[in-house]
PDB file of N, CA and C in Angstrom:
ATOM      1  N   MET A   1       0.825  -1.193   0.000  1.00  0.00           N
ATOM      2  CA  MET A   1       0.000   0.000   0.000  1.00  0.00           C
ATOM      3  C   MET A   1       0.866   1.253   0.000  1.00  0.00           C
ATOM      4  N   ILE A   2       1.943   1.249   0.772  1.00  0.00           N
ATOM      5  CA  ILE A   2       2.827   2.415   0.824  1.00  0.00           C
ATOM      6  C   ILE A   2       3.474   2.632  -0.539  1.00  0.00           C
ATOM      7  N   ASP A   3       3.865   1.537  -1.219  1.00  0.00           N
ATOM      8  CA  ASP A   3       4.444   1.671  -2.560  1.00  0.00           C
ATOM      9  C   ASP A   3       3.457   2.332  -3.508  1.00  0.00           C
ATOM     10  N   ARG A   4       2.203   1.945  -3.416  1.00  0.00           N
ATOM     11  CA  ARG A   4       1.170   2.506  -4.297  1.00  0.00           C
ATOM     12  C   ARG A   4       0.990   3.999  -4.049  1.00  0.00           C
ATOM     13  N   LEU A   5       1.057   4.421  -2.785  1.00  0.00           N
ATOM     14  CA  LEU A   5       0.903   5.837  -2.456  1.00  0.00           C
ATOM     15  C   LEU A   5       2.097   6.670  -2.895  1.00  0.00           C
ATOM     16  N   SER A   6       3.281   6.074  -2.901  1.00  0.00           N
ATOM     17  CA  SER A   6       4.476   6.818  -3.267  1.00  0.00           C
ATOM     18  C   SER A   6       4.791   6.760  -4.764  1.00  0.00           C
ATOM     19  N   THR A   7       4.029   5.994  -5.523  1.00  0.00           N
ATOM     20  CA  THR A   7       4.233   5.869  -6.962  1.00  0.00           C
ATOM     21  C   THR A   7       3.477   6.972  -7.689  1.00  0.00           C
ATOM     22  N   SER A   8       4.092   7.527  -8.731  1.00  0.00           N
ATOM     23  CA  SER A   8       3.445   8.603  -9.478  1.00  0.00           C
ATOM     24  C   SER A   8       2.235   8.080 -10.250  1.00  0.00           C
ATOM     25  N   LEU A   9       1.332   8.981 -10.581  1.00  0.00           N
ATOM     26  CA  LEU A   9       0.123   8.621 -11.321  1.00  0.00           C
ATOM     27  C   LEU A   9       0.478   8.038 -12.687  1.00  0.00           C
ATOM     28  N   GLU A  10       1.522   8.596 -13.315  1.00  0.00           N
ATOM     29  CA  GLU A  10       1.963   8.097 -14.626  1.00  0.00           C
ATOM     30  C   GLU A  10       2.475   6.663 -14.527  1.00  0.00           C
ATOM     31  N   ASP A  11       3.221   6.354 -13.469  1.00  0.00           N
ATOM     32  CA  ASP A  11       3.724   4.991 -13.281  1.00  0.00           C
ATOM     33  C   ASP A  11       2.581   4.009 -13.034  1.00  0.00           C
ATOM     34  N   LEU A  12       1.576   4.439 -12.283  1.00  0.00           N
ATOM     35  CA  LEU A  12       0.417   3.574 -12.040  1.00  0.00           C
ATOM     36  C   LEU A  12      -0.343   3.306 -13.336  1.00  0.00           C
ATOM     37  N   HIS A  13      -0.492   4.348 -14.162  1.00  0.00           N
ATOM     38  CA  HIS A  13      -1.178   4.194 -15.442  1.00  0.00           C
ATOM     39  C   HIS A  13      -0.386   3.247 -16.356  1.00  0.00           C
ATOM     40  N   SER A  14       0.939   3.390 -16.385  1.00  0.00           N
ATOM     41  CA  SER A  14       1.785   2.510 -17.200  1.00  0.00           C
ATOM     42  C   SER A  14       1.657   1.058 -16.753  1.00  0.00           C
ATOM     43  N   ALA A  15       1.650   0.830 -15.459  1.00  0.00           N
ATOM     44  CA  ALA A  15       1.509  -0.534 -14.938  1.00  0.00           C
ATOM     45  C   ALA A  15       0.154  -1.127 -15.317  1.00  0.00           C
ATOM     46  N   GLU A  16      -0.894  -0.303 -15.275  1.00  0.00           N
ATOM     47  CA  GLU A  16      -2.230  -0.765 -15.660  1.00  0.00           C
ATOM     48  C   GLU A  16      -2.276  -1.141 -17.143  1.00  0.00           C
ATOM     49  N   LEU A  17      -1.640  -0.314 -17.989  1.00  0.00           N
ATOM     50  CA  LEU A  17      -1.608  -0.600 -19.423  1.00  0.00           C
ATOM     51  C   LEU A  17      -0.839  -1.888 -19.710  1.00  0.00           C
ATOM     52  N   GLN A  18       0.267  -2.126 -18.988  1.00  0.00           N
ATOM     53  CA  GLN A  18       1.048  -3.343 -19.191  1.00  0.00           C
ATOM     54  C   GLN A  18       0.248  -4.578 -18.796  1.00  0.00           C
ATOM     55  N   LYS A  19      -0.510  -4.505 -17.705  1.00  0.00           N
ATOM     56  CA  LYS A  19      -1.361  -5.630 -17.291  1.00  0.00           C
ATOM     57  C   LYS A  19      -2.440  -5.894 -18.337  1.00  0.00           C
ATOM     58  N   ASP A  20      -3.007  -4.810 -18.891  1.00  0.00           N
ATOM     59  CA  ASP A  20      -4.048  -4.932 -19.911  1.00  0.00           C
ATOM     60  C   ASP A  20      -3.491  -5.612 -21.161  1.00  0.00           C
ATOM     61  N   ALA A  21      -2.278  -5.244 -21.567  1.00  0.00           N
ATOM     62  CA  ALA A  21      -1.650  -5.843 -22.748  1.00  0.00           C
ATOM     63  C   ALA A  21      -1.393  -7.327 -22.529  1.00  0.00           C
ATOM     64  N   GLN A  22      -0.941  -7.679 -21.353  1.00  0.00           N
ATOM     65  CA  GLN A  22      -0.676  -9.087 -21.043  1.00  0.00           C
ATOM     66  C   GLN A  22      -1.979  -9.885 -21.029  1.00  0.00           C
ATOM     67  N   ALA A  23      -3.037  -9.318 -20.453  1.00  0.00           N
ATOM     68  CA  ALA A  23      -4.327 -10.008 -20.386  1.00  0.00           C
ATOM     69  C   ALA A  23      -4.933 -10.203 -21.775  1.00  0.00           C
ATOM     70  N   ALA A  24      -4.665  -9.271 -22.686  1.00  0.00           N
ATOM     71  CA  ALA A  24      -5.198  -9.365 -24.051  1.00  0.00           C
ATOM     72  C   ALA A  24      -4.343 -10.254 -24.948  1.00  0.00           C
ATOM     73  N   GLY A  25      -3.230 -10.758 -24.439  1.00  0.00           N
ATOM     74  CA  GLY A  25      -2.352 -11.624 -25.224  1.00  0.00           C
ATOM     75  C   GLY A  25      -1.567 -10.868 -26.277  1.00  0.00           C
ATOM     76  N   CYS A  26      -1.257  -9.616 -25.996  1.00  0.00           N
ATOM     77  CA  CYS A  26      -0.552  -8.765 -26.961  1.00  0.00           C
ATOM     78  C   CYS A  26       0.940  -8.674 -26.645  1.00  0.00           C
ATOM     79  N   THR A  27       1.704  -8.325 -27.661  1.00  0.00           N
ATOM     80  CA  THR A  27       3.140  -8.119 -27.524  1.00  0.00           C
ATOM     81  C   THR A  27       3.390  -6.738 -26.926  1.00  0.00           C
ATOM     82  N   ARG A  28       4.366  -6.629 -26.028  1.00  0.00           N
ATOM     83  CA  ARG A  28       4.752  -5.321 -25.499  1.00  0.00           C
ATOM     84  C   ARG A  28       5.422  -4.532 -26.626  1.00  0.00           C
ATOM     85  N   ILE A  29       5.095  -3.269 -26.723  1.00  0.00           N
ATOM     86  CA  ILE A  29       5.676  -2.446 -27.791  1.00  0.00           C
ATOM     87  C   ILE A  29       7.194  -2.380 -27.668  1.00  0.00           C
ATOM     88  N   SER A  30       7.712  -2.342 -26.444  1.00  0.00           N
ATOM     89  CA  SER A  30       9.167  -2.269 -26.254  1.00  0.00           C
ATOM     90  C   SER A  30       9.881  -3.506 -26.783  1.00  0.00           C
ATOM     91  N   GLU A  31       9.168  -4.622 -26.945  1.00  0.00           N
ATOM     92  CA  GLU A  31       9.767  -5.872 -27.431  1.00  0.00           C
ATOM     93  C   GLU A  31       9.618  -6.047 -28.936  1.00  0.00           C
ATOM     94  N   CYS A  32       8.914  -5.145 -29.602  1.00  0.00           N
ATOM     95  CA  CYS A  32       8.686  -5.251 -31.044  1.00  0.00           C
ATOM     96  C   CYS A  32       9.951  -4.887 -31.811  1.00  0.00           C
ATOM     97  N   THR A  33      10.244  -5.672 -32.843  1.00  0.00           N
ATOM     98  CA  THR A  33      11.419  -5.416 -33.670  1.00  0.00           C
ATOM     99  C   THR A  33      10.994  -5.123 -35.110  1.00  0.00           C
ATOM    100  N   ASP A  34      11.911  -4.575 -35.874  1.00  0.00           N
ATOM    101  CA  ASP A  34      11.643  -4.208 -37.258  1.00  0.00           C
ATOM    102  C   ASP A  34      11.186  -5.423 -38.067  1.00  0.00           C
ATOM    103  N   ARG A  35      10.119  -5.229 -38.864  1.00  0.00           N
ATOM    104  CA  ARG A  35       9.550  -6.235 -39.778  1.00  0.00           C
ATOM    105  C   ARG A  35       8.810  -7.362 -39.073  1.00  0.00           C
ATOM    106  N   GLN A  36       8.582  -7.243 -37.793  1.00  0.00           N
ATOM    107  CA  GLN A  36       7.867  -8.267 -37.028  1.00  0.00           C
ATOM    108  C   GLN A  36       6.356  -8.040 -37.160  1.00  0.00           C
ATOM    109  N   ILE A  37       5.605  -9.119 -37.324  1.00  0.00           N
ATOM    110  CA  ILE A  37       4.147  -9.030 -37.328  1.00  0.00           C
ATOM    111  C   ILE A  37       3.693  -9.134 -35.877  1.00  0.00           C
ATOM    112  N   VAL A  38       2.913  -8.125 -35.430  1.00  0.00           N
ATOM    113  CA  VAL A  38       2.556  -8.040 -34.022  1.00  0.00           C
ATOM    114  C   VAL A  38       1.082  -7.732 -33.817  1.00  0.00           C
ATOM    115  N   LYS A  39       0.668  -7.964 -32.584  1.00  0.00           N
ATOM    116  CA  LYS A  39      -0.640  -7.525 -32.098  1.00  0.00           C
ATOM    117  C   LYS A  39      -0.329  -6.769 -30.814  1.00  0.00           C
ATOM    118  N   VAL A  40      -0.675  -5.479 -30.784  1.00  0.00           N
ATOM    119  CA  VAL A  40      -0.373  -4.632 -29.629  1.00  0.00           C
ATOM    120  C   VAL A  40      -1.649  -3.938 -29.156  1.00  0.00           C
ATOM    121  N   THR A  41      -1.619  -3.486 -27.925  1.00  0.00           N
ATOM    122  CA  THR A  41      -2.743  -2.724 -27.390  1.00  0.00           C
ATOM    123  C   THR A  41      -2.213  -1.601 -26.524  1.00  0.00           C
ATOM    124  N   GLY A  42      -3.023  -0.581 -26.343  1.00  0.00           N
ATOM    125  CA  GLY A  42      -2.625   0.553 -25.517  1.00  0.00           C
ATOM    126  C   GLY A  42      -3.620   1.685 -25.648  1.00  0.00           C
ATOM    127  N   THR A  43      -3.196   2.849 -25.188  1.00  0.00           N
ATOM    128  CA  THR A  43      -4.017   4.053 -25.228  1.00  0.00           C
ATOM    129  C   THR A  43      -3.437   5.029 -26.242  1.00  0.00           C
ATOM    130  N   LEU A  44      -4.313   5.651 -27.015  1.00  0.00           N
ATOM    131  CA  LEU A  44      -3.865   6.668 -27.967  1.00  0.00           C
ATOM    132  C   LEU A  44      -3.560   7.950 -27.203  1.00  0.00           C
ATOM    133  N   ARG A  45      -2.316   8.421 -27.315  1.00  0.00           N
ATOM    134  CA  ARG A  45      -1.920   9.653 -26.635  1.00  0.00           C
ATOM    135  C   ARG A  45      -2.246  10.875 -27.486  1.00  0.00           C
ATOM    136  N   THR A  46      -1.893  10.813 -28.774  1.00  0.00           N
ATOM    137  CA  THR A  46      -2.135  11.935 -29.674  1.00  0.00           C
ATOM    138  C   THR A  46      -2.680  11.418 -30.991  1.00  0.00           C
ATOM    139  N   VAL A  47      -3.449  12.260 -31.663  1.00  0.00           N
ATOM    140  CA  VAL A  47      -3.956  11.943 -32.994  1.00  0.00           C
ATOM    141  C   VAL A  47      -3.807  13.217 -33.831  1.00  0.00           C
ATOM    142  N   THR A  48      -3.088  13.110 -34.964  1.00  0.00           N
ATOM    143  CA  THR A  48      -2.862  14.279 -35.819  1.00  0.00           C
ATOM    144  C   THR A  48      -3.036  13.907 -37.287  1.00  0.00           C
ATOM    145  N   LEU A  49      -3.356  14.920 -38.084  1.00  0.00           N
ATOM    146  CA  LEU A  49      -3.422  14.753 -39.532  1.00  0.00           C
ATOM    147  C   LEU A  49      -2.130  15.320 -40.087  1.00  0.00           C
ATOM    148  N   ARG A  50      -1.323  14.469 -40.719  1.00  0.00           N
ATOM    149  CA  ARG A  50      -0.024  14.886 -41.225  1.00  0.00           C
ATOM    150  C   ARG A  50       0.195  14.245 -42.594  1.00  0.00           C
ATOM    151  N   PRO A  51       0.177  15.044 -43.659  1.00  0.00           N
ATOM    152  CA  PRO A  51       0.379  14.482 -44.998  1.00  0.00           C
ATOM    153  C   PRO A  51       1.748  13.808 -45.142  1.00  0.00           C
ATOM    154  N   ARG A  52       1.782  12.719 -45.880  1.00  0.00           N
ATOM    155  CA  ARG A  52       3.026  11.999 -46.211  1.00  0.00           C
ATOM    156  C   ARG A  52       3.086  11.887 -47.723  1.00  0.00           C
ATOM    157  N   ALA A  53       4.098  12.478 -48.307  1.00  0.00           N
ATOM    158  CA  ALA A  53       4.308  12.443 -49.763  1.00  0.00           C
ATOM    159  C   ALA A  53       3.061  12.930 -50.518  1.00  0.00           C
ATOM    160  N   GLY A  54       2.422  13.969 -49.994  1.00  0.00           N
ATOM    161  CA  GLY A  54       1.263  14.542 -50.657  1.00  0.00           C
ATOM    162  C   GLY A  54      -0.034  13.793 -50.427  1.00  0.00           C
ATOM    163  N   VAL A  55      -0.009  12.742 -49.640  1.00  0.00           N
ATOM    164  CA  VAL A  55      -1.202  11.942 -49.357  1.00  0.00           C
ATOM    165  C   VAL A  55      -1.624  12.212 -47.912  1.00  0.00           C
ATOM    166  N   PRO A  56      -2.925  12.425 -47.644  1.00  0.00           N
ATOM    167  CA  PRO A  56      -3.321  12.615 -46.253  1.00  0.00           C
ATOM    168  C   PRO A  56      -3.000  11.373 -45.423  1.00  0.00           C
ATOM    169  N   ALA A  57      -2.612  11.607 -44.180  1.00  0.00           N
ATOM    170  CA  ALA A  57      -2.281  10.486 -43.288  1.00  0.00           C
ATOM    171  C   ALA A  57      -2.708  10.834 -41.871  1.00  0.00           C
ATOM    172  N   LEU A  58      -3.494   9.969 -41.283  1.00  0.00           N
ATOM    173  CA  LEU A  58      -3.899  10.127 -39.898  1.00  0.00           C
ATOM    174  C   LEU A  58      -2.881   9.386 -39.043  1.00  0.00           C
ATOM    175  N   GLU A  59      -2.221  10.117 -38.148  1.00  0.00           N
ATOM    176  CA  GLU A  59      -1.191   9.522 -37.294  1.00  0.00           C
ATOM    177  C   GLU A  59      -1.623   9.578 -35.846  1.00  0.00           C
ATOM    178  N   ALA A  60      -1.353   8.509 -35.126  1.00  0.00           N
ATOM    179  CA  ALA A  60      -1.671   8.438 -33.702  1.00  0.00           C
ATOM    180  C   ALA A  60      -0.502   7.798 -32.968  1.00  0.00           C
ATOM    181  N   GLU A  61      -0.278   8.232 -31.748  1.00  0.00           N
ATOM    182  CA  GLU A  61       0.749   7.608 -30.920  1.00  0.00           C
ATOM    183  C   GLU A  61       0.065   6.686 -29.926  1.00  0.00           C
ATOM    184  N   LEU A  62       0.390   5.395 -30.008  1.00  0.00           N
ATOM    185  CA  LEU A  62      -0.158   4.375 -29.122  1.00  0.00           C
ATOM    186  C   LEU A  62       0.874   4.084 -28.032  1.00  0.00           C
ATOM    187  N   PHE A  63       0.432   4.056 -26.783  1.00  0.00           N
ATOM    188  CA  PHE A  63       1.341   3.797 -25.664  1.00  0.00           C
ATOM    189  C   PHE A  63       0.783   2.650 -24.823  1.00  0.00           C
ATOM    190  N   ASP A  64       1.643   1.660 -24.541  1.00  0.00           N
ATOM    191  CA  ASP A  64       1.200   0.493 -23.771  1.00  0.00           C
ATOM    192  C   ASP A  64       1.835   0.400 -22.389  1.00  0.00           C
ATOM    193  N   GLY A  65       2.512   1.452 -21.961  1.00  0.00           N
ATOM    194  CA  GLY A  65       3.170   1.436 -20.662  1.00  0.00           C
ATOM    195  C   GLY A  65       4.638   1.102 -20.750  1.00  0.00           C
ATOM    196  N   THR A  66       5.091   0.610 -21.929  1.00  0.00           N
ATOM    197  CA  THR A  66       6.512   0.281 -22.084  1.00  0.00           C
ATOM    198  C   THR A  66       7.205   1.192 -23.087  1.00  0.00           C
ATOM    199  N   ALA A  67       6.522   1.531 -24.184  1.00  0.00           N
ATOM    200  CA  ALA A  67       7.119   2.358 -25.237  1.00  0.00           C
ATOM    201  C   ALA A  67       6.012   2.891 -26.145  1.00  0.00           C
ATOM    202  N   PRO A  68       6.298   3.983 -26.869  1.00  0.00           N
ATOM    203  CA  PRO A  68       5.308   4.500 -27.825  1.00  0.00           C
ATOM    204  C   PRO A  68       5.432   3.810 -29.182  1.00  0.00           C
ATOM    205  N   LEU A  69       4.338   3.834 -29.934  1.00  0.00           N
ATOM    206  CA  LEU A  69       4.292   3.281 -31.287  1.00  0.00           C
ATOM    207  C   LEU A  69       3.481   4.248 -32.143  1.00  0.00           C
ATOM    208  N   ASP A  70       4.015   4.641 -33.289  1.00  0.00           N
ATOM    209  CA  ASP A  70       3.271   5.495 -34.214  1.00  0.00           C
ATOM    210  C   ASP A  70       2.394   4.608 -35.084  1.00  0.00           C
ATOM    211  N   VAL A  71       1.102   4.891 -35.099  1.00  0.00           N
ATOM    212  CA  VAL A  71       0.152   4.165 -35.927  1.00  0.00           C
ATOM    213  C   VAL A  71      -0.303   5.126 -37.015  1.00  0.00           C
ATOM    214  N   VAL A  72      -0.168   4.721 -38.290  1.00  0.00           N
ATOM    215  CA  VAL A  72      -0.448   5.616 -39.413  1.00  0.00           C
ATOM    216  C   VAL A  72      -1.441   4.965 -40.362  1.00  0.00           C
ATOM    217  N   TRP A  73      -2.517   5.703 -40.655  1.00  0.00           N
ATOM    218  CA  TRP A  73      -3.487   5.273 -41.661  1.00  0.00           C
ATOM    219  C   TRP A  73      -3.312   6.181 -42.864  1.00  0.00           C
ATOM    220  N   LEU A  74      -2.730   5.668 -43.941  1.00  0.00           N
ATOM    221  CA  LEU A  74      -2.498   6.457 -45.148  1.00  0.00           C
ATOM    222  C   LEU A  74      -3.805   6.658 -45.903  1.00  0.00           C
ATOM    223  N   GLY A  75      -3.976   7.863 -46.459  1.00  0.00           N
ATOM    224  CA  GLY A  75      -5.165   8.164 -47.246  1.00  0.00           C
ATOM    225  C   GLY A  75      -6.394   8.482 -46.409  1.00  0.00           C
ATOM    226  N   ARG A  76      -6.226   8.621 -45.113  1.00  0.00           N
ATOM    227  CA  ARG A  76      -7.367   8.907 -44.226  1.00  0.00           C
ATOM    228  C   ARG A  76      -7.181  10.265 -43.558  1.00  0.00           C
ATOM    229  N   ARG A  77      -8.244  11.032 -43.489  1.00  0.00           N
ATOM    230  CA  ARG A  77      -8.219  12.320 -42.793  1.00  0.00           C
ATOM    231  C   ARG A  77      -8.760  12.182 -41.371  1.00  0.00           C
ATOM    232  N   SER A  78      -9.653  11.221 -41.185  1.00  0.00           N
ATOM    233  CA  SER A  78     -10.197  10.948 -39.856  1.00  0.00           C
ATOM    234  C   SER A  78     -10.811   9.545 -39.862  1.00  0.00           C
ATOM    235  N   ILE A  79     -10.925   8.991 -38.665  1.00  0.00           N
ATOM    236  CA  ILE A  79     -11.573   7.695 -38.469  1.00  0.00           C
ATOM    237  C   ILE A  79     -12.412   7.836 -37.205  1.00  0.00           C
ATOM    238  N   VAL A  80     -13.677   7.513 -37.300  1.00  0.00           N
ATOM    239  CA  VAL A  80     -14.570   7.608 -36.151  1.00  0.00           C
ATOM    240  C   VAL A  80     -14.036   6.724 -35.019  1.00  0.00           C
ATOM    241  N   GLY A  81     -13.917   7.297 -33.837  1.00  0.00           N
ATOM    242  CA  GLY A  81     -13.453   6.554 -32.670  1.00  0.00           C
ATOM    243  C   GLY A  81     -11.961   6.671 -32.419  1.00  0.00           C
ATOM    244  N   ILE A  82     -11.201   7.098 -33.416  1.00  0.00           N
ATOM    245  CA  ILE A  82      -9.760   7.278 -33.223  1.00  0.00           C
ATOM    246  C   ILE A  82      -9.555   8.680 -32.658  1.00  0.00           C
ATOM    247  N   GLU A  83      -9.338   8.736 -31.342  1.00  0.00           N
ATOM    248  CA  GLU A  83      -9.194  10.004 -30.643  1.00  0.00           C
ATOM    249  C   GLU A  83      -8.305   9.801 -29.421  1.00  0.00           C
ATOM    250  N   PRO A  84      -7.661  10.871 -28.941  1.00  0.00           N
ATOM    251  CA  PRO A  84      -6.795  10.735 -27.765  1.00  0.00           C
ATOM    252  C   PRO A  84      -7.562  10.180 -26.571  1.00  0.00           C
ATOM    253  N   GLY A  85      -6.893   9.275 -25.837  1.00  0.00           N
ATOM    254  CA  GLY A  85      -7.491   8.662 -24.664  1.00  0.00           C
ATOM    255  C   GLY A  85      -8.217   7.358 -24.943  1.00  0.00           C
ATOM    256  N   ARG A  86      -8.429   7.046 -26.207  1.00  0.00           N
ATOM    257  CA  ARG A  86      -9.142   5.812 -26.576  1.00  0.00           C
ATOM    258  C   ARG A  86      -8.178   4.635 -26.554  1.00  0.00           C
ATOM    259  N   ARG A  87      -8.637   3.503 -26.057  1.00  0.00           N
ATOM    260  CA  ARG A  87      -7.823   2.280 -26.074  1.00  0.00           C
ATOM    261  C   ARG A  87      -8.172   1.467 -27.305  1.00  0.00           C
ATOM    262  N   LEU A  88      -7.160   0.813 -27.874  1.00  0.00           N
ATOM    263  CA  LEU A  88      -7.407  -0.041 -29.029  1.00  0.00           C
ATOM    264  C   LEU A  88      -6.389  -1.151 -29.108  1.00  0.00           C
ATOM    265  N   ILE A  89      -6.734  -2.154 -29.907  1.00  0.00           N
ATOM    266  CA  ILE A  89      -5.826  -3.252 -30.241  1.00  0.00           C
ATOM    267  C   ILE A  89      -5.510  -3.086 -31.718  1.00  0.00           C
ATOM    268  N   ALA A  90      -4.230  -3.121 -32.078  1.00  0.00           N
ATOM    269  CA  ALA A  90      -3.822  -2.972 -33.474  1.00  0.00           C
ATOM    270  C   ALA A  90      -2.895  -4.122 -33.848  1.00  0.00           C
ATOM    271  N   SER A  91      -2.982  -4.559 -35.104  1.00  0.00           N
ATOM    272  CA  SER A  91      -2.090  -5.625 -35.557  1.00  0.00           C
ATOM    273  C   SER A  91      -1.607  -5.315 -36.964  1.00  0.00           C
ATOM    274  N   GLY A  92      -0.390  -5.771 -37.236  1.00  0.00           N
ATOM    275  CA  GLY A  92       0.229  -5.544 -38.533  1.00  0.00           C
ATOM    276  C   GLY A  92       1.724  -5.757 -38.436  1.00  0.00           C
ATOM    277  N   ARG A  93       2.452  -5.242 -39.439  1.00  0.00           N
ATOM    278  CA  ARG A  93       3.904  -5.405 -39.484  1.00  0.00           C
ATOM    279  C   ARG A  93       4.577  -4.113 -39.037  1.00  0.00           C
ATOM    280  N   ILE A  94       5.434  -4.221 -38.031  1.00  0.00           N
ATOM    281  CA  ILE A  94       6.182  -3.077 -37.500  1.00  0.00           C
ATOM    282  C   ILE A  94       7.280  -2.687 -38.487  1.00  0.00           C
ATOM    283  N   SER A  95       7.489  -1.386 -38.643  1.00  0.00           N
ATOM    284  CA  SER A  95       8.654  -0.902 -39.383  1.00  0.00           C
ATOM    285  C   SER A  95       9.310   0.180 -38.533  1.00  0.00           C
ATOM    286  N   MET A  96      10.562   0.453 -38.823  1.00  0.00           N
ATOM    287  CA  MET A  96      11.292   1.492 -38.094  1.00  0.00           C
ATOM    288  C   MET A  96      11.462   2.689 -39.021  1.00  0.00           C
ATOM    289  N   SER A  97      11.165   3.878 -38.495  1.00  0.00           N
ATOM    290  CA  SER A  97      11.316   5.109 -39.258  1.00  0.00           C
ATOM    291  C   SER A  97      11.898   6.175 -38.341  1.00  0.00           C
ATOM    292  N   HIS A  98      13.104   6.605 -38.651  1.00  0.00           N
ATOM    293  CA  HIS A  98      13.810   7.618 -37.854  1.00  0.00           C
ATOM    294  C   HIS A  98      13.938   7.194 -36.390  1.00  0.00           C
ATOM    295  N   GLY A  99      14.191   5.906 -36.159  1.00  0.00           N
ATOM    296  CA  GLY A  99      14.393   5.399 -34.813  1.00  0.00           C
ATOM    297  C   GLY A  99      13.125   5.145 -34.021  1.00  0.00           C
ATOM    298  N   ARG A 100      11.968   5.288 -34.654  1.00  0.00           N
ATOM    299  CA  ARG A 100      10.687   5.041 -33.971  1.00  0.00           C
ATOM    300  C   ARG A 100       9.962   3.879 -34.625  1.00  0.00           C
ATOM    301  N   ARG A 101       9.219   3.136 -33.816  1.00  0.00           N
ATOM    302  CA  ARG A 101       8.408   2.035 -34.336  1.00  0.00           C
ATOM    303  C   ARG A 101       7.152   2.610 -34.981  1.00  0.00           C
ATOM    304  N   VAL A 102       6.812   2.092 -36.174  1.00  0.00           N
ATOM    305  CA  VAL A 102       5.643   2.575 -36.909  1.00  0.00           C
ATOM    306  C   VAL A 102       4.836   1.374 -37.401  1.00  0.00           C
ATOM    307  N   LEU A 103       3.522   1.511 -37.352  1.00  0.00           N
ATOM    308  CA  LEU A 103       2.603   0.492 -37.842  1.00  0.00           C
ATOM    309  C   LEU A 103       1.704   1.178 -38.869  1.00  0.00           C
ATOM    310  N   PHE A 104       1.875   0.823 -40.167  1.00  0.00           N
ATOM    311  CA  PHE A 104       1.108   1.448 -41.234  1.00  0.00           C
ATOM    312  C   PHE A 104      -0.159   0.650 -41.522  1.00  0.00           C
ATOM    313  N   ASN A 105      -1.274   1.359 -41.687  1.00  0.00           N
ATOM    314  CA  ASN A 105      -2.570   0.787 -42.057  1.00  0.00           C
ATOM    315  C   ASN A 105      -2.869  -0.517 -41.311  1.00  0.00           C
ATOM    316  N   PRO A 106      -2.872  -0.466 -39.982  1.00  0.00           N
ATOM    317  CA  PRO A 106      -3.081  -1.703 -39.222  1.00  0.00           C
ATOM    318  C   PRO A 106      -4.540  -2.146 -39.224  1.00  0.00           C
ATOM    319  N   LYS A 107      -4.728  -3.414 -38.956  1.00  0.00           N
ATOM    320  CA  LYS A 107      -6.054  -3.888 -38.576  1.00  0.00           C
ATOM    321  C   LYS A 107      -6.207  -3.399 -37.142  1.00  0.00           C
ATOM    322  N   TYR A 108      -7.385  -2.937 -36.777  1.00  0.00           N
ATOM    323  CA  TYR A 108      -7.536  -2.427 -35.419  1.00  0.00           C
ATOM    324  C   TYR A 108      -8.918  -2.735 -34.873  1.00  0.00           C
ATOM    325  N   GLU A 109      -8.980  -2.741 -33.562  1.00  0.00           N
ATOM    326  CA  GLU A 109     -10.226  -2.992 -32.840  1.00  0.00           C
ATOM    327  C   GLU A 109     -10.291  -1.980 -31.704  1.00  0.00           C
ATOM    328  N   LEU A 110     -11.340  -1.150 -31.712  1.00  0.00           N
ATOM    329  CA  LEU A 110     -11.523  -0.198 -30.629  1.00  0.00           C
ATOM    330  C   LEU A 110     -12.007  -0.941 -29.392  1.00  0.00           C
ATOM    331  N   ARG A 111     -11.422  -0.630 -28.248  1.00  0.00           N
ATOM    332  CA  ARG A 111     -11.841  -1.247 -26.990  1.00  0.00           C
ATOM    333  C   ARG A 111     -13.118  -0.571 -26.525  1.00  0.00           C
ATOM    334  N   PRO A 112     -14.058  -1.309 -25.962  1.00  0.00           N
ATOM    335  CA  PRO A 112     -15.302  -0.718 -25.470  1.00  0.00           C
ATOM    336  C   PRO A 112     -15.037   0.356 -24.422  1.00  0.00           C
ATOM    337  N   LEU A 113     -15.813   1.420 -24.474  1.00  0.00           N
ATOM    338  CA  LEU A 113     -15.632   2.512 -23.540  1.00  0.00           C
ATOM    339  C   LEU A 113     -15.876   2.093 -22.094  1.00  0.00           C
ATOM    340  N   GLY A 114     -16.707   1.102 -21.890  1.00  0.00           N
ATOM    341  CA  GLY A 114     -17.015   0.638 -20.537  1.00  0.00           C
ATOM    342  C   GLY A 114     -15.824   0.037 -19.809  1.00  0.00           C
ATOM    343  N   GLN A 115     -14.811  -0.445 -20.540  1.00  0.00           N
ATOM    344  CA  GLN A 115     -13.637  -1.055 -19.912  1.00  0.00           C
ATOM    345  C   GLN A 115     -12.631  -0.021 -19.458  1.00  0.00           C
ATOM    346  N   GLU A 116     -12.832   1.230 -19.844  1.00  0.00           N
ATOM    347  CA  GLU A 116     -11.881   2.258 -19.469  1.00  0.00           C
ATOM    348  C   GLU A 116     -12.233   2.757 -18.099  1.00  0.00           C
TER     349      GLU A 116
END
């Protein structure tokens, strides 16, 4: 109990996300390597519209308590339900871009709002 009181809110949230990923049978983002096919889960921290090579691209940062992952939907300006604070499960092939893990056009499943 004393450990829980002395732990920061961010650390508690990270621990909760890691437990959720393990319960869902997902790979930790920190363990993902280049070109690996993965299934990950976490919370969307940011969602932005950022064109790539003249094509609209919706980018989101997914965080699972271990590391961030950039999730990019090419050719999309918005997707209903993709918003900061939303939890989701995403699967696809990881690639590395400028030292960051990226998942392009993943299959995804929005987590029910009731579980948050």
